[in-house]
């Protein structure tokens, strides 16, 4: 009758809700200030925040799966996340 949610799923979802809220607030600030230089500063701060949320949600998910994954699979997952971040930054 009741569905129990895993703690890792709740944590990941809450981080994504926080991320979305920050994005919406940043858009509001850009409109409020109505200046390109300030909008660029706000946008640049989001460029730091996005990958941080990606890393945190991935970490929470991996901790939730830690008993089901081998060390080799952890290596490939972390390598994939590192390549995504590298691709975003370059």
C-alpha atoms as a PDB file:
ATOM      1  CA  UNK A   1       0.000   0.000   0.000  1.00  0.00           C
ATOM      2  CA  UNK A   2       2.768   2.448   0.894  1.00  0.00           C
ATOM      3  CA  UNK A   3       5.849   2.803  -1.238  1.00  0.00           C
ATOM      4  CA  UNK A   4       9.057   3.385   0.654  1.00  0.00           C
ATOM      5  CA  UNK A   5      11.549   5.619  -1.081  1.00  0.00           C
ATOM      6  CA  UNK A   6      15.242   5.015  -0.764  1.00  0.00           C
ATOM      7  CA  UNK A   7      17.246   7.648   1.090  1.00  0.00           C
ATOM      8  CA  UNK A   8      19.635   7.993  -1.839  1.00  0.00           C
ATOM      9  CA  UNK A   9      16.769   8.714  -4.244  1.00  0.00           C
ATOM     10  CA  UNK A  10      15.292  11.320  -1.895  1.00  0.00           C
ATOM     11  CA  UNK A  11      18.698  12.986  -1.504  1.00  0.00           C
ATOM     12  CA  UNK A  12      19.303  13.064  -5.248  1.00  0.00           C
ATOM     13  CA  UNK A  13      15.825  14.456  -5.943  1.00  0.00           C
ATOM     14  CA  UNK A  14      16.208  17.157  -3.284  1.00  0.00           C
ATOM     15  CA  UNK A  15      19.534  18.254  -4.754  1.00  0.00           C
ATOM     16  CA  UNK A  16      17.961  18.496  -8.213  1.00  0.00           C
ATOM     17  CA  UNK A  17      15.057  20.526  -6.787  1.00  0.00           C
ATOM     18  CA  UNK A  18      17.575  22.833  -5.140  1.00  0.00           C
ATOM     19  CA  UNK A  19      19.450  23.146  -8.426  1.00  0.00           C
ATOM     20  CA  UNK A  20      16.284  23.990 -10.330  1.00  0.00           C
ATOM     21  CA  UNK A  21      15.287  26.563  -7.730  1.00  0.00           C
ATOM     22  CA  UNK A  22      18.692  28.232  -7.976  1.00  0.00           C
ATOM     23  CA  UNK A  23      18.410  28.313 -11.789  1.00  0.00           C
ATOM     24  CA  UNK A  24      14.975  29.942 -11.640  1.00  0.00           C
ATOM     25  CA  UNK A  25      16.168  32.461  -9.050  1.00  0.00           C
ATOM     26  CA  UNK A  26      19.186  33.269 -11.230  1.00  0.00           C
ATOM     27  CA  UNK A  27      16.886  33.922 -14.201  1.00  0.00           C
ATOM     28  CA  UNK A  28      14.787  36.216 -12.005  1.00  0.00           C
ATOM     29  CA  UNK A  29      17.902  38.137 -10.943  1.00  0.00           C
ATOM     30  CA  UNK A  30      19.015  38.517 -14.560  1.00  0.00           C
ATOM     31  CA  UNK A  31      15.646  40.030 -15.465  1.00  0.00           C
ATOM     32  CA  UNK A  32      15.598  42.212 -12.361  1.00  0.00           C
ATOM     33  CA  UNK A  33      19.054  43.714 -12.931  1.00  0.00           C
ATOM     34  CA  UNK A  34      18.502  44.033 -16.695  1.00  0.00           C
ATOM     35  CA  UNK A  35      22.211  44.529 -17.394  1.00  0.00           C
ATOM     36  CA  UNK A  36      24.334  42.260 -19.556  1.00  0.00           C
ATOM     37  CA  UNK A  37      27.427  42.445 -17.335  1.00  0.00           C
ATOM     38  CA  UNK A  38      25.476  41.455 -14.199  1.00  0.00           C
ATOM     39  CA  UNK A  39      23.632  38.706 -16.082  1.00  0.00           C
ATOM     40  CA  UNK A  40      26.978  37.344 -17.236  1.00  0.00           C
ATOM     41  CA  UNK A  41      28.255  37.272 -13.645  1.00  0.00           C
ATOM     42  CA  UNK A  42      25.132  35.415 -12.524  1.00  0.00           C
ATOM     43  CA  UNK A  43      25.451  32.972 -15.415  1.00  0.00           C
ATOM     44  CA  UNK A  44      29.118  32.367 -14.618  1.00  0.00           C
ATOM     45  CA  UNK A  45      28.260  31.506 -11.038  1.00  0.00           C
ATOM     46  CA  UNK A  46      25.783  28.923 -12.343  1.00  0.00           C
ATOM     47  CA  UNK A  47      28.583  27.355 -14.384  1.00  0.00           C
ATOM     48  CA  UNK A  48      30.231  26.460 -11.063  1.00  0.00           C
ATOM     49  CA  UNK A  49      27.034  25.344  -9.359  1.00  0.00           C
ATOM     50  CA  UNK A  50      25.865  22.914 -12.078  1.00  0.00           C
ATOM     51  CA  UNK A  51      28.870  20.560 -12.062  1.00  0.00           C
ATOM     52  CA  UNK A  52      28.895  20.631  -8.266  1.00  0.00           C
ATOM     53  CA  UNK A  53      25.307  19.367  -8.197  1.00  0.00           C
ATOM     54  CA  UNK A  54      26.221  16.727 -10.808  1.00  0.00           C
ATOM     55  CA  UNK A  55      29.073  15.469  -8.645  1.00  0.00           C
ATOM     56  CA  UNK A  56      26.981  15.441  -5.468  1.00  0.00           C
ATOM     57  CA  UNK A  57      24.004  13.624  -6.998  1.00  0.00           C
ATOM     58  CA  UNK A  58      26.296  11.079  -8.648  1.00  0.00           C
ATOM     59  CA  UNK A  59      28.105  10.530  -5.350  1.00  0.00           C
ATOM     60  CA  UNK A  60      24.841   9.983  -3.490  1.00  0.00           C
ATOM     61  CA  UNK A  61      23.691   7.540  -6.167  1.00  0.00           C
ATOM     62  CA  UNK A  62      26.962   5.625  -6.057  1.00  0.00           C
ATOM     63  CA  UNK A  63      26.871   5.408  -2.275  1.00  0.00           C
ATOM     64  CA  UNK A  64      23.356   3.995  -2.599  1.00  0.00           C
ATOM     65  CA  UNK A  65      24.640   1.393  -5.078  1.00  0.00           C
ATOM     66  CA  UNK A  66      27.926   0.680  -3.293  1.00  0.00           C
ATOM     67  CA  UNK A  67      26.921  -2.791  -2.174  1.00  0.00           C
ATOM     68  CA  UNK A  68      25.877  -3.773  -5.726  1.00  0.00           C
ATOM     69  CA  UNK A  69      28.862  -2.466  -7.752  1.00  0.00           C
ATOM     70  CA  UNK A  70      32.389  -3.778  -8.089  1.00  0.00           C
ATOM     71  CA  UNK A  71      35.477  -1.577  -7.800  1.00  0.00           C
ATOM     72  CA  UNK A  72      36.014  -1.785 -11.575  1.00  0.00           C
ATOM     73  CA  UNK A  73      32.557  -0.408 -12.278  1.00  0.00           C
ATOM     74  CA  UNK A  74      33.154   2.440  -9.815  1.00  0.00           C
ATOM     75  CA  UNK A  75      36.302   3.315 -11.749  1.00  0.00           C
ATOM     76  CA  UNK A  76      34.431   3.550 -15.058  1.00  0.00           C
ATOM     77  CA  UNK A  77      31.627   5.604 -13.533  1.00  0.00           C
ATOM     78  CA  UNK A  78      34.024   8.106 -11.973  1.00  0.00           C
ATOM     79  CA  UNK A  79      36.008   8.275 -15.205  1.00  0.00           C
ATOM     80  CA  UNK A  80      32.810   9.023 -17.119  1.00  0.00           C
ATOM     81  CA  UNK A  81      31.815  11.803 -14.703  1.00  0.00           C
ATOM     82  CA  UNK A  82      35.331  13.255 -14.887  1.00  0.00           C
ATOM     83  CA  UNK A  83      35.179  13.284 -18.686  1.00  0.00           C
ATOM     84  CA  UNK A  84      31.780  15.010 -18.619  1.00  0.00           C
ATOM     85  CA  UNK A  85      33.152  17.728 -16.337  1.00  0.00           C
ATOM     86  CA  UNK A  86      36.296  18.055 -18.444  1.00  0.00           C
ATOM     87  CA  UNK A  87      34.168  18.415 -21.573  1.00  0.00           C
ATOM     88  CA  UNK A  88      32.010  21.064 -19.954  1.00  0.00           C
ATOM     89  CA  UNK A  89      34.946  23.129 -18.762  1.00  0.00           C
ATOM     90  CA  UNK A  90      37.020  23.009 -21.952  1.00  0.00           C
END
